[in-house]
Structure formats: structure tokens, C-alpha cells
């Protein structure tokens, strides 16, 4: 069983890394490359703000690059984490879902 977002984030930090946060297409492709090795979606270091459909990096920095999948995010405010699909596009997701993350060192 893959651990949830908060567990994998903690494990990444304890290993001396940080969760991957794409700020341009090249970084998105690099994260996708490593994420594809799991053959599943992987969490990104992006979360929804208190305002639905507004997302920031975990450190509070505004996003300067996005790669949302068609019709994402839907804007319901119920899915606060963000995952990268195996095609490189993003989807907002509930944080308790079990997904791997890509750590940056």
C-alpha cells in the first residue's frame, strides 16, 4: 500500500529532500520521467488555497506555471492536493489518496 500525501511528504523531508514542484515545462517533464517509473500518478508539492481553484506551492509561493488536465481543477474545493498524470498533466485530488511522490534532492 502506498502511503498518503502527508506520510510521503514527511518521509521525503526526513531523507533530506523536498517534494518536486514543477515551475516550467522542463521540470514538469523531469518529474514525469521519475513518476512514470511507478506507472501511476504522483503527488506534486502544490496545494489548494482557502479559495477554491487557487493553488500555490507548499511554501505559499504563487504558481507561475501550470499544466492542468482538461476541465481541471473543477473548483469544488474538495480536492486540495495535486497529482501529475502519466501524460504530464495535473489533476487536483484528495490528500488521503495513496500516491507516491517524487523527492528533489
PDB file of N, CA and C in Angstrom:
ATOM      1  N   UNK A   1       0.844  -1.187   0.000  1.00  0.00           N
ATOM      2  CA  UNK A   1       0.000   0.000   0.000  1.00  0.00           C
ATOM      3  C   UNK A   1       0.885   1.245   0.000  1.00  0.00           C
ATOM      4  N   UNK A   2       0.571   2.156  -0.906  1.00  0.00           N
ATOM      5  CA  UNK A   2       1.321   3.409  -0.961  1.00  0.00           C
ATOM      6  C   UNK A   2       0.827   4.334   0.136  1.00  0.00           C
ATOM      7  N   UNK A   3       1.719   5.031   0.816  1.00  0.00           N
ATOM      8  CA  UNK A   3       1.287   5.950   1.871  1.00  0.00           C
ATOM      9  C   UNK A   3       0.608   7.193   1.298  1.00  0.00           C
ATOM     10  N   UNK A   4      -0.116   7.911   2.155  1.00  0.00           N
ATOM     11  CA  UNK A   4      -0.821   9.116   1.724  1.00  0.00           C
ATOM     12  C   UNK A   4       0.145  10.294   1.584  1.00  0.00           C
ATOM     13  N   UNK A   5      -0.383  11.427   1.141  1.00  0.00           N
ATOM     14  CA  UNK A   5       0.421  12.616   0.864  1.00  0.00           C
ATOM     15  C   UNK A   5       1.258  13.043   2.057  1.00  0.00           C
ATOM     16  N   UNK A   6       0.640  13.167   3.221  1.00  0.00           N
ATOM     17  CA  UNK A   6       1.346  13.684   4.394  1.00  0.00           C
ATOM     18  C   UNK A   6       2.466  12.743   4.847  1.00  0.00           C
ATOM     19  N   UNK A   7       2.251  11.441   4.735  1.00  0.00           N
ATOM     20  CA  UNK A   7       3.274  10.463   5.112  1.00  0.00           C
ATOM     21  C   UNK A   7       4.453  10.507   4.146  1.00  0.00           C
ATOM     22  N   UNK A   8       4.168  10.544   2.845  1.00  0.00           N
ATOM     23  CA  UNK A   8       5.259  10.573   1.870  1.00  0.00           C
ATOM     24  C   UNK A   8       6.024  11.892   1.938  1.00  0.00           C
ATOM     25  N   UNK A   9       5.328  12.986   2.211  1.00  0.00           N
ATOM     26  CA  UNK A   9       5.987  14.285   2.361  1.00  0.00           C
ATOM     27  C   UNK A   9       6.951  14.255   3.547  1.00  0.00           C
ATOM     28  N   UNK A  10       6.501  13.681   4.656  1.00  0.00           N
ATOM     29  CA  UNK A  10       7.335  13.557   5.857  1.00  0.00           C
ATOM     30  C   UNK A  10       8.561  12.688   5.567  1.00  0.00           C
ATOM     31  N   UNK A  11       8.358  11.561   4.892  1.00  0.00           N
ATOM     32  CA  UNK A  11       9.467  10.667   4.558  1.00  0.00           C
ATOM     33  C   UNK A  11      10.491  11.364   3.659  1.00  0.00           C
ATOM     34  N   UNK A  12      10.012  12.145   2.715  1.00  0.00           N
ATOM     35  CA  UNK A  12      10.897  12.870   1.811  1.00  0.00           C
ATOM     36  C   UNK A  12      11.742  13.884   2.585  1.00  0.00           C
ATOM     37  N   UNK A  13      11.108  14.629   3.483  1.00  0.00           N
ATOM     38  CA  UNK A  13      11.831  15.622   4.295  1.00  0.00           C
ATOM     39  C   UNK A  13      12.856  14.954   5.198  1.00  0.00           C
ATOM     40  N   UNK A  14      12.485  13.820   5.808  1.00  0.00           N
ATOM     41  CA  UNK A  14      13.407  13.107   6.693  1.00  0.00           C
ATOM     42  C   UNK A  14      14.621  12.575   5.933  1.00  0.00           C
ATOM     43  N   UNK A  15      14.455  12.320   4.640  1.00  0.00           N
ATOM     44  CA  UNK A  15      15.568  11.843   3.816  1.00  0.00           C
ATOM     45  C   UNK A  15      16.427  13.003   3.305  1.00  0.00           C
ATOM     46  N   UNK A  16      16.048  14.241   3.654  1.00  0.00           N
ATOM     47  CA  UNK A  16      16.820  15.410   3.242  1.00  0.00           C
ATOM     48  C   UNK A  16      16.368  16.035   1.942  1.00  0.00           C
ATOM     49  N   UNK A  17      15.198  15.642   1.467  1.00  0.00           N
ATOM     50  CA  UNK A  17      14.696  16.172   0.201  1.00  0.00           C
ATOM     51  C   UNK A  17      13.468  17.033   0.377  1.00  0.00           C
ATOM     52  N   UNK A  18      12.924  17.429  -0.737  1.00  0.00           N
ATOM     53  CA  UNK A  18      11.656  18.161  -0.752  1.00  0.00           C
ATOM     54  C   UNK A  18      10.828  17.629  -1.910  1.00  0.00           C
ATOM     55  N   UNK A  19       9.527  17.741  -1.788  1.00  0.00           N
ATOM     56  CA  UNK A  19       8.645  17.235  -2.831  1.00  0.00           C
ATOM     57  C   UNK A  19       8.828  18.069  -4.101  1.00  0.00           C
ATOM     58  N   UNK A  20       8.829  17.398  -5.232  1.00  0.00           N
ATOM     59  CA  UNK A  20       9.046  18.064  -6.511  1.00  0.00           C
ATOM     60  C   UNK A  20       7.924  19.052  -6.819  1.00  0.00           C
ATOM     61  N   UNK A  21       8.325  20.219  -7.312  1.00  0.00           N
ATOM     62  CA  UNK A  21       7.383  21.292  -7.643  1.00  0.00           C
ATOM     63  C   UNK A  21       7.759  21.863  -9.007  1.00  0.00           C
ATOM     64  N   UNK A  22       7.034  21.521 -10.054  1.00  0.00           N
ATOM     65  CA  UNK A  22       7.399  21.999 -11.386  1.00  0.00           C
ATOM     66  C   UNK A  22       7.087  23.485 -11.574  1.00  0.00           C
ATOM     67  N   UNK A  23       8.092  24.242 -11.999  1.00  0.00           N
ATOM     68  CA  UNK A  23       7.864  25.664 -12.251  1.00  0.00           C
ATOM     69  C   UNK A  23       8.031  26.018 -13.728  1.00  0.00           C
ATOM     70  N   UNK A  24       8.224  24.977 -14.564  1.00  0.00           N
ATOM     71  CA  UNK A  24       8.295  25.183 -16.014  1.00  0.00           C
ATOM     72  C   UNK A  24       8.111  23.821 -16.704  1.00  0.00           C
ATOM     73  N   UNK A  25       7.919  23.816 -18.021  1.00  0.00           N
ATOM     74  CA  UNK A  25       7.688  22.542 -18.725  1.00  0.00           C
ATOM     75  C   UNK A  25       8.829  21.535 -18.579  1.00  0.00           C
ATOM     76  N   UNK A  26      10.081  21.999 -18.555  1.00  0.00           N
ATOM     77  CA  UNK A  26      11.208  21.067 -18.411  1.00  0.00           C
ATOM     78  C   UNK A  26      11.183  20.360 -17.060  1.00  0.00           C
ATOM     79  N   UNK A  27      10.901  21.107 -15.993  1.00  0.00           N
ATOM     80  CA  UNK A  27      10.808  20.491 -14.663  1.00  0.00           C
ATOM     81  C   UNK A  27       9.623  19.536 -14.605  1.00  0.00           C
ATOM     82  N   UNK A  28       8.521  19.901 -15.243  1.00  0.00           N
ATOM     83  CA  UNK A  28       7.356  19.019 -15.283  1.00  0.00           C
ATOM     84  C   UNK A  28       7.727  17.699 -15.968  1.00  0.00           C
ATOM     85  N   UNK A  29       8.466  17.790 -17.087  1.00  0.00           N
ATOM     86  CA  UNK A  29       8.893  16.586 -17.802  1.00  0.00           C
ATOM     87  C   UNK A  29       9.838  15.732 -16.960  1.00  0.00           C
ATOM     88  N   UNK A  30      10.721  16.373 -16.192  1.00  0.00           N
ATOM     89  CA  UNK A  30      11.646  15.624 -15.332  1.00  0.00           C
ATOM     90  C   UNK A  30      10.883  14.875 -14.244  1.00  0.00           C
ATOM     91  N   UNK A  31       9.907  15.534 -13.637  1.00  0.00           N
ATOM     92  CA  UNK A  31       9.081  14.883 -12.612  1.00  0.00           C
ATOM     93  C   UNK A  31       8.303  13.737 -13.237  1.00  0.00           C
ATOM     94  N   UNK A  32       7.763  13.971 -14.424  1.00  0.00           N
ATOM     95  CA  UNK A  32       7.016  12.938 -15.134  1.00  0.00           C
ATOM     96  C   UNK A  32       7.901  11.725 -15.401  1.00  0.00           C
ATOM     97  N   UNK A  33       9.145  11.953 -15.787  1.00  0.00           N
ATOM     98  CA  UNK A  33      10.077  10.859 -16.069  1.00  0.00           C
ATOM     99  C   UNK A  33      10.217   9.934 -14.857  1.00  0.00           C
ATOM    100  N   UNK A  34      10.428  10.519 -13.689  1.00  0.00           N
ATOM    101  CA  UNK A  34      10.578   9.700 -12.482  1.00  0.00           C
ATOM    102  C   UNK A  34       9.243   9.123 -12.032  1.00  0.00           C
ATOM    103  N   UNK A  35       8.179   9.898 -12.162  1.00  0.00           N
ATOM    104  CA  UNK A  35       6.859   9.419 -11.764  1.00  0.00           C
ATOM    105  C   UNK A  35       6.385   8.243 -12.591  1.00  0.00           C
ATOM    106  N   UNK A  36       6.754   8.224 -13.866  1.00  0.00           N
ATOM    107  CA  UNK A  36       6.328   7.129 -14.743  1.00  0.00           C
ATOM    108  C   UNK A  36       6.892   5.786 -14.296  1.00  0.00           C
ATOM    109  N   UNK A  37       8.003   5.808 -13.560  1.00  0.00           N
ATOM    110  CA  UNK A  37       8.581   4.545 -13.098  1.00  0.00           C
ATOM    111  C   UNK A  37       7.643   3.825 -12.138  1.00  0.00           C
ATOM    112  N   UNK A  38       6.708   4.569 -11.521  1.00  0.00           N
ATOM    113  CA  UNK A  38       5.702   3.961 -10.652  1.00  0.00           C
ATOM    114  C   UNK A  38       4.499   3.475 -11.451  1.00  0.00           C
ATOM    115  N   UNK A  39       4.409   3.885 -12.727  1.00  0.00           N
ATOM    116  CA  UNK A  39       3.271   3.581 -13.593  1.00  0.00           C
ATOM    117  C   UNK A  39       1.947   4.000 -12.953  1.00  0.00           C
ATOM    118  N   UNK A  40       1.982   5.137 -12.269  1.00  0.00           N
ATOM    119  CA  UNK A  40       0.783   5.680 -11.644  1.00  0.00           C
ATOM    120  C   UNK A  40       0.967   7.183 -11.486  1.00  0.00           C
ATOM    121  N   UNK A  41      -0.050   7.851 -11.030  1.00  0.00           N
ATOM    122  CA  UNK A  41       0.046   9.287 -10.754  1.00  0.00           C
ATOM    123  C   UNK A  41       0.926   9.503  -9.522  1.00  0.00           C
ATOM    124  N   UNK A  42       1.510  10.691  -9.418  1.00  0.00           N
ATOM    125  CA  UNK A  42       2.334  11.042  -8.255  1.00  0.00           C
ATOM    126  C   UNK A  42       1.940  12.437  -7.778  1.00  0.00           C
ATOM    127  N   UNK A  43       1.978  12.639  -6.459  1.00  0.00           N
ATOM    128  CA  UNK A  43       1.671  13.956  -5.904  1.00  0.00           C
ATOM    129  C   UNK A  43       2.751  14.973  -6.252  1.00  0.00           C
ATOM    130  N   UNK A  44       2.322  16.227  -6.399  1.00  0.00           N
ATOM    131  CA  UNK A  44       3.223  17.363  -6.575  1.00  0.00           C
ATOM    132  C   UNK A  44       3.193  18.215  -5.318  1.00  0.00           C
ATOM    133  N   UNK A  45       4.156  19.098  -5.163  1.00  0.00           N
ATOM    134  CA  UNK A  45       4.220  19.981  -4.000  1.00  0.00           C
ATOM    135  C   UNK A  45       3.363  21.220  -4.168  1.00  0.00           C
ATOM    136  N   UNK A  46       2.101  20.996  -4.492  1.00  0.00           N
ATOM    137  CA  UNK A  46       1.142  22.077  -4.745  1.00  0.00           C
ATOM    138  C   UNK A  46      -0.131  21.760  -3.979  1.00  0.00           C
ATOM    139  N   UNK A  47      -0.718  22.780  -3.343  1.00  0.00           N
ATOM    140  CA  UNK A  47      -1.987  22.586  -2.626  1.00  0.00           C
ATOM    141  C   UNK A  47      -2.939  23.736  -2.909  1.00  0.00           C
ATOM    142  N   UNK A  48      -4.211  23.443  -2.756  1.00  0.00           N
ATOM    143  CA  UNK A  48      -5.247  24.454  -2.950  1.00  0.00           C
ATOM    144  C   UNK A  48      -5.263  25.418  -1.772  1.00  0.00           C
ATOM    145  N   UNK A  49      -5.471  26.686  -2.066  1.00  0.00           N
ATOM    146  CA  UNK A  49      -5.605  27.710  -1.026  1.00  0.00           C
ATOM    147  C   UNK A  49      -7.003  27.623  -0.415  1.00  0.00           C
ATOM    148  N   UNK A  50      -7.321  28.538   0.461  1.00  0.00           N
ATOM    149  CA  UNK A  50      -8.661  28.579   1.046  1.00  0.00           C
ATOM    150  C   UNK A  50      -9.714  28.935   0.007  1.00  0.00           C
ATOM    151  N   UNK A  51      -9.300  29.570  -1.073  1.00  0.00           N
ATOM    152  CA  UNK A  51     -10.217  29.931  -2.154  1.00  0.00           C
ATOM    153  C   UNK A  51     -10.191  28.814  -3.193  1.00  0.00           C
ATOM    154  N   UNK A  52     -11.342  28.178  -3.472  1.00  0.00           N
ATOM    155  CA  UNK A  52     -11.370  27.091  -4.450  1.00  0.00           C
ATOM    156  C   UNK A  52     -10.778  27.516  -5.797  1.00  0.00           C
ATOM    157  N   UNK A  53     -10.068  26.591  -6.428  1.00  0.00           N
ATOM    158  CA  UNK A  53      -9.426  26.745  -7.730  1.00  0.00           C
ATOM    159  C   UNK A  53      -8.184  27.621  -7.701  1.00  0.00           C
ATOM    160  N   UNK A  54      -7.736  28.016  -6.520  1.00  0.00           N
ATOM    161  CA  UNK A  54      -6.475  28.757  -6.399  1.00  0.00           C
ATOM    162  C   UNK A  54      -5.465  27.844  -5.724  1.00  0.00           C
ATOM    163  N   UNK A  55      -4.364  27.632  -6.390  1.00  0.00           N
ATOM    164  CA  UNK A  55      -3.341  26.709  -5.906  1.00  0.00           C
ATOM    165  C   UNK A  55      -2.011  27.429  -5.760  1.00  0.00           C
ATOM    166  N   UNK A  56      -1.221  26.987  -4.780  1.00  0.00           N
ATOM    167  CA  UNK A  56       0.112  27.533  -4.523  1.00  0.00           C
ATOM    168  C   UNK A  56       1.063  26.380  -4.233  1.00  0.00           C
ATOM    169  N   UNK A  57       2.367  26.690  -4.316  1.00  0.00           N
ATOM    170  CA  UNK A  57       3.351  25.728  -3.845  1.00  0.00           C
ATOM    171  C   UNK A  57       3.199  25.596  -2.336  1.00  0.00           C
ATOM    172  N   UNK A  58       3.697  24.509  -1.762  1.00  0.00           N
ATOM    173  CA  UNK A  58       3.539  24.270  -0.326  1.00  0.00           C
ATOM    174  C   UNK A  58       4.139  25.378   0.526  1.00  0.00           C
ATOM    175  N   UNK A  59       5.147  26.084   0.003  1.00  0.00           N
ATOM    176  CA  UNK A  59       5.748  27.182   0.772  1.00  0.00           C
ATOM    177  C   UNK A  59       4.966  28.491   0.641  1.00  0.00           C
ATOM    178  N   UNK A  60       3.834  28.455  -0.062  1.00  0.00           N
ATOM    179  CA  UNK A  60       2.988  29.639  -0.217  1.00  0.00           C
ATOM    180  C   UNK A  60       3.260  30.457  -1.458  1.00  0.00           C
ATOM    181  N   UNK A  61       4.295  30.099  -2.208  1.00  0.00           N
ATOM    182  CA  UNK A  61       4.639  30.812  -3.432  1.00  0.00           C
ATOM    183  C   UNK A  61       3.560  30.601  -4.496  1.00  0.00           C
ATOM    184  N   UNK A  62       3.248  31.664  -5.230  1.00  0.00           N
ATOM    185  CA  UNK A  62       2.275  31.579  -6.318  1.00  0.00           C
ATOM    186  C   UNK A  62       2.813  30.707  -7.454  1.00  0.00           C
ATOM    187  N   UNK A  63       1.929  30.026  -8.144  1.00  0.00           N
ATOM    188  CA  UNK A  63       2.319  29.236  -9.305  1.00  0.00           C
ATOM    189  C   UNK A  63       2.563  30.166 -10.488  1.00  0.00           C
ATOM    190  N   UNK A  64       3.675  29.980 -11.162  1.00  0.00           N
ATOM    191  CA  UNK A  64       3.945  30.750 -12.376  1.00  0.00           C
ATOM    192  C   UNK A  64       3.764  29.873 -13.616  1.00  0.00           C
ATOM    193  N   UNK A  65       3.578  28.585 -13.398  1.00  0.00           N
ATOM    194  CA  UNK A  65       3.399  27.611 -14.474  1.00  0.00           C
ATOM    195  C   UNK A  65       2.366  26.594 -14.015  1.00  0.00           C
ATOM    196  N   UNK A  66       1.459  26.218 -14.897  1.00  0.00           N
ATOM    197  CA  UNK A  66       0.505  25.141 -14.612  1.00  0.00           C
ATOM    198  C   UNK A  66       0.385  24.259 -15.848  1.00  0.00           C
ATOM    199  N   UNK A  67      -0.083  23.047 -15.631  1.00  0.00           N
ATOM    200  CA  UNK A  67      -0.302  22.115 -16.733  1.00  0.00           C
ATOM    201  C   UNK A  67      -1.530  21.260 -16.427  1.00  0.00           C
ATOM    202  N   UNK A  68      -2.638  21.918 -16.135  1.00  0.00           N
ATOM    203  CA  UNK A  68      -3.864  21.226 -15.748  1.00  0.00           C
ATOM    204  C   UNK A  68      -4.408  20.366 -16.883  1.00  0.00           C
ATOM    205  N   UNK A  69      -4.928  19.210 -16.512  1.00  0.00           N
ATOM    206  CA  UNK A  69      -5.649  18.346 -17.433  1.00  0.00           C
ATOM    207  C   UNK A  69      -6.935  19.068 -17.847  1.00  0.00           C
ATOM    208  N   UNK A  70      -7.496  18.723 -18.971  1.00  0.00           N
ATOM    209  CA  UNK A  70      -8.728  19.327 -19.463  1.00  0.00           C
ATOM    210  C   UNK A  70      -9.810  19.313 -18.381  1.00  0.00           C
ATOM    211  N   UNK A  71     -10.447  20.434 -18.158  1.00  0.00           N
ATOM    212  CA  UNK A  71     -11.526  20.609 -17.171  1.00  0.00           C
ATOM    213  C   UNK A  71     -11.066  20.481 -15.721  1.00  0.00           C
ATOM    214  N   UNK A  72      -9.791  20.624 -15.475  1.00  0.00           N
ATOM    215  CA  UNK A  72      -9.260  20.608 -14.111  1.00  0.00           C
ATOM    216  C   UNK A  72      -8.665  21.974 -13.792  1.00  0.00           C
ATOM    217  N   UNK A  73      -8.664  22.401 -12.579  1.00  0.00           N
ATOM    218  CA  UNK A  73      -9.421  21.842 -11.447  1.00  0.00           C
ATOM    219  C   UNK A  73     -10.897  22.228 -11.555  1.00  0.00           C
ATOM    220  N   UNK A  74     -11.792  21.391 -11.034  1.00  0.00           N
ATOM    221  CA  UNK A  74     -13.220  21.647 -11.183  1.00  0.00           C
ATOM    222  C   UNK A  74     -13.755  22.781 -10.317  1.00  0.00           C
ATOM    223  N   UNK A  75     -13.042  23.137  -9.254  1.00  0.00           N
ATOM    224  CA  UNK A  75     -13.453  24.283  -8.451  1.00  0.00           C
ATOM    225  C   UNK A  75     -14.401  24.004  -7.318  1.00  0.00           C
ATOM    226  N   UNK A  76     -14.494  22.763  -6.894  1.00  0.00           N
ATOM    227  CA  UNK A  76     -15.399  22.424  -5.794  1.00  0.00           C
ATOM    228  C   UNK A  76     -14.768  22.639  -4.427  1.00  0.00           C
ATOM    229  N   UNK A  77     -13.444  22.780  -4.375  1.00  0.00           N
ATOM    230  CA  UNK A  77     -12.765  22.997  -3.107  1.00  0.00           C
ATOM    231  C   UNK A  77     -12.645  21.767  -2.236  1.00  0.00           C
ATOM    232  N   UNK A  78     -12.895  20.597  -2.791  1.00  0.00           N
ATOM    233  CA  UNK A  78     -12.859  19.356  -2.010  1.00  0.00           C
ATOM    234  C   UNK A  78     -11.570  18.566  -2.221  1.00  0.00           C
ATOM    235  N   UNK A  79     -10.798  18.940  -3.230  1.00  0.00           N
ATOM    236  CA  UNK A  79      -9.583  18.206  -3.562  1.00  0.00           C
ATOM    237  C   UNK A  79      -8.413  19.182  -3.473  1.00  0.00           C
ATOM    238  N   UNK A  80      -7.687  19.114  -2.364  1.00  0.00           N
ATOM    239  CA  UNK A  80      -6.684  20.150  -2.100  1.00  0.00           C
ATOM    240  C   UNK A  80      -5.277  19.808  -2.560  1.00  0.00           C
ATOM    241  N   UNK A  81      -4.992  18.543  -2.830  1.00  0.00           N
ATOM    242  CA  UNK A  81      -3.665  18.163  -3.312  1.00  0.00           C
ATOM    243  C   UNK A  81      -3.666  18.095  -4.840  1.00  0.00           C
ATOM    244  N   UNK A  82      -2.482  18.032  -5.421  1.00  0.00           N
ATOM    245  CA  UNK A  82      -2.355  17.983  -6.879  1.00  0.00           C
ATOM    246  C   UNK A  82      -1.461  16.807  -7.253  1.00  0.00           C
ATOM    247  N   UNK A  83      -1.903  16.045  -8.249  1.00  0.00           N
ATOM    248  CA  UNK A  83      -1.120  14.921  -8.749  1.00  0.00           C
ATOM    249  C   UNK A  83      -0.787  15.163 -10.215  1.00  0.00           C
ATOM    250  N   UNK A  84       0.279  14.516 -10.664  1.00  0.00           N
ATOM    251  CA  UNK A  84       0.649  14.565 -12.070  1.00  0.00           C
ATOM    252  C   UNK A  84       0.245  13.238 -12.693  1.00  0.00           C
ATOM    253  N   UNK A  85      -0.532  13.320 -13.778  1.00  0.00           N
ATOM    254  CA  UNK A  85      -0.927  12.123 -14.515  1.00  0.00           C
ATOM    255  C   UNK A  85       0.276  11.592 -15.301  1.00  0.00           C
ATOM    256  N   UNK A  86       0.152  10.373 -15.814  1.00  0.00           N
ATOM    257  CA  UNK A  86       1.240   9.774 -16.581  1.00  0.00           C
ATOM    258  C   UNK A  86       1.419  10.425 -17.952  1.00  0.00           C
ATOM    259  N   UNK A  87       0.528  11.357 -18.325  1.00  0.00           N
ATOM    260  CA  UNK A  87       0.732  12.126 -19.561  1.00  0.00           C
ATOM    261  C   UNK A  87       1.333  13.505 -19.277  1.00  0.00           C
ATOM    262  N   UNK A  88       1.623  13.787 -17.994  1.00  0.00           N
ATOM    263  CA  UNK A  88       2.245  15.051 -17.619  1.00  0.00           C
ATOM    264  C   UNK A  88       1.287  16.150 -17.220  1.00  0.00           C
ATOM    265  N   UNK A  89      -0.020  15.928 -17.392  1.00  0.00           N
ATOM    266  CA  UNK A  89      -0.987  16.942 -16.981  1.00  0.00           C
ATOM    267  C   UNK A  89      -1.330  16.765 -15.512  1.00  0.00           C
ATOM    268  N   UNK A  90      -1.942  17.791 -14.924  1.00  0.00           N
ATOM    269  CA  UNK A  90      -2.219  17.808 -13.490  1.00  0.00           C
ATOM    270  C   UNK A  90      -3.695  17.633 -13.198  1.00  0.00           C
ATOM    271  N   UNK A  91      -3.958  17.096 -12.012  1.00  0.00           N
ATOM    272  CA  UNK A  91      -5.312  16.888 -11.512  1.00  0.00           C
ATOM    273  C   UNK A  91      -5.319  17.198 -10.022  1.00  0.00           C
ATOM    274  N   UNK A  92      -6.371  17.868  -9.552  1.00  0.00           N
ATOM    275  CA  UNK A  92      -6.474  18.040  -8.099  1.00  0.00           C
ATOM    276  C   UNK A  92      -7.106  16.790  -7.513  1.00  0.00           C
ATOM    277  N   UNK A  93      -6.663  16.423  -6.315  1.00  0.00           N
ATOM    278  CA  UNK A  93      -7.011  15.134  -5.711  1.00  0.00           C
ATOM    279  C   UNK A  93      -7.121  15.292  -4.204  1.00  0.00           C
ATOM    280  N   UNK A  94      -7.922  14.465  -3.584  1.00  0.00           N
ATOM    281  CA  UNK A  94      -7.988  14.468  -2.117  1.00  0.00           C
ATOM    282  C   UNK A  94      -6.671  13.941  -1.561  1.00  0.00           C
ATOM    283  N   UNK A  95      -6.157  14.605  -0.548  1.00  0.00           N
ATOM    284  CA  UNK A  95      -4.845  14.248   0.012  1.00  0.00           C
ATOM    285  C   UNK A  95      -4.777  12.854   0.634  1.00  0.00           C
ATOM    286  N   UNK A  96      -5.846  12.320   1.202  1.00  0.00           N
ATOM    287  CA  UNK A  96      -5.725  10.980   1.792  1.00  0.00           C
ATOM    288  C   UNK A  96      -5.531   9.856   0.778  1.00  0.00           C
ATOM    289  N   UNK A  97      -5.681  10.136  -0.521  1.00  0.00           N
ATOM    290  CA  UNK A  97      -5.481   9.087  -1.519  1.00  0.00           C
ATOM    291  C   UNK A  97      -4.019   8.659  -1.521  1.00  0.00           C
ATOM    292  N   UNK A  98      -3.801   7.392  -1.733  1.00  0.00           N
ATOM    293  CA  UNK A  98      -2.445   6.843  -1.722  1.00  0.00           C
ATOM    294  C   UNK A  98      -1.782   7.041  -3.079  1.00  0.00           C
ATOM    295  N   UNK A  99      -0.753   7.867  -3.086  1.00  0.00           N
ATOM    296  CA  UNK A  99       0.019   8.159  -4.283  1.00  0.00           C
ATOM    297  C   UNK A  99       1.484   8.307  -3.882  1.00  0.00           C
ATOM    298  N   UNK A 100       2.404   7.942  -4.772  1.00  0.00           N
ATOM    299  CA  UNK A 100       3.814   8.220  -4.491  1.00  0.00           C
ATOM    300  C   UNK A 100       4.108   9.702  -4.732  1.00  0.00           C
ATOM    301  N   UNK A 101       5.269  10.158  -4.303  1.00  0.00           N
ATOM    302  CA  UNK A 101       5.744  11.497  -4.644  1.00  0.00           C
ATOM    303  C   UNK A 101       7.149  11.370  -5.210  1.00  0.00           C
ATOM    304  N   UNK A 102       7.578  12.388  -5.913  1.00  0.00           N
ATOM    305  CA  UNK A 102       8.946  12.458  -6.408  1.00  0.00           C
ATOM    306  C   UNK A 102       9.674  13.460  -5.524  1.00  0.00           C
ATOM    307  N   UNK A 103      10.740  12.998  -4.861  1.00  0.00           N
ATOM    308  CA  UNK A 103      11.529  13.882  -3.997  1.00  0.00           C
ATOM    309  C   UNK A 103      12.641  14.537  -4.804  1.00  0.00           C
ATOM    310  N   UNK A 104      12.902  15.779  -4.480  1.00  0.00           N
ATOM    311  CA  UNK A 104      14.005  16.533  -5.091  1.00  0.00           C
ATOM    312  C   UNK A 104      15.108  16.668  -4.051  1.00  0.00           C
ATOM    313  N   UNK A 105      16.333  16.345  -4.441  1.00  0.00           N
ATOM    314  CA  UNK A 105      17.477  16.441  -3.524  1.00  0.00           C
ATOM    315  C   UNK A 105      18.492  17.426  -4.052  1.00  0.00           C
TER     316      UNK A 105
END
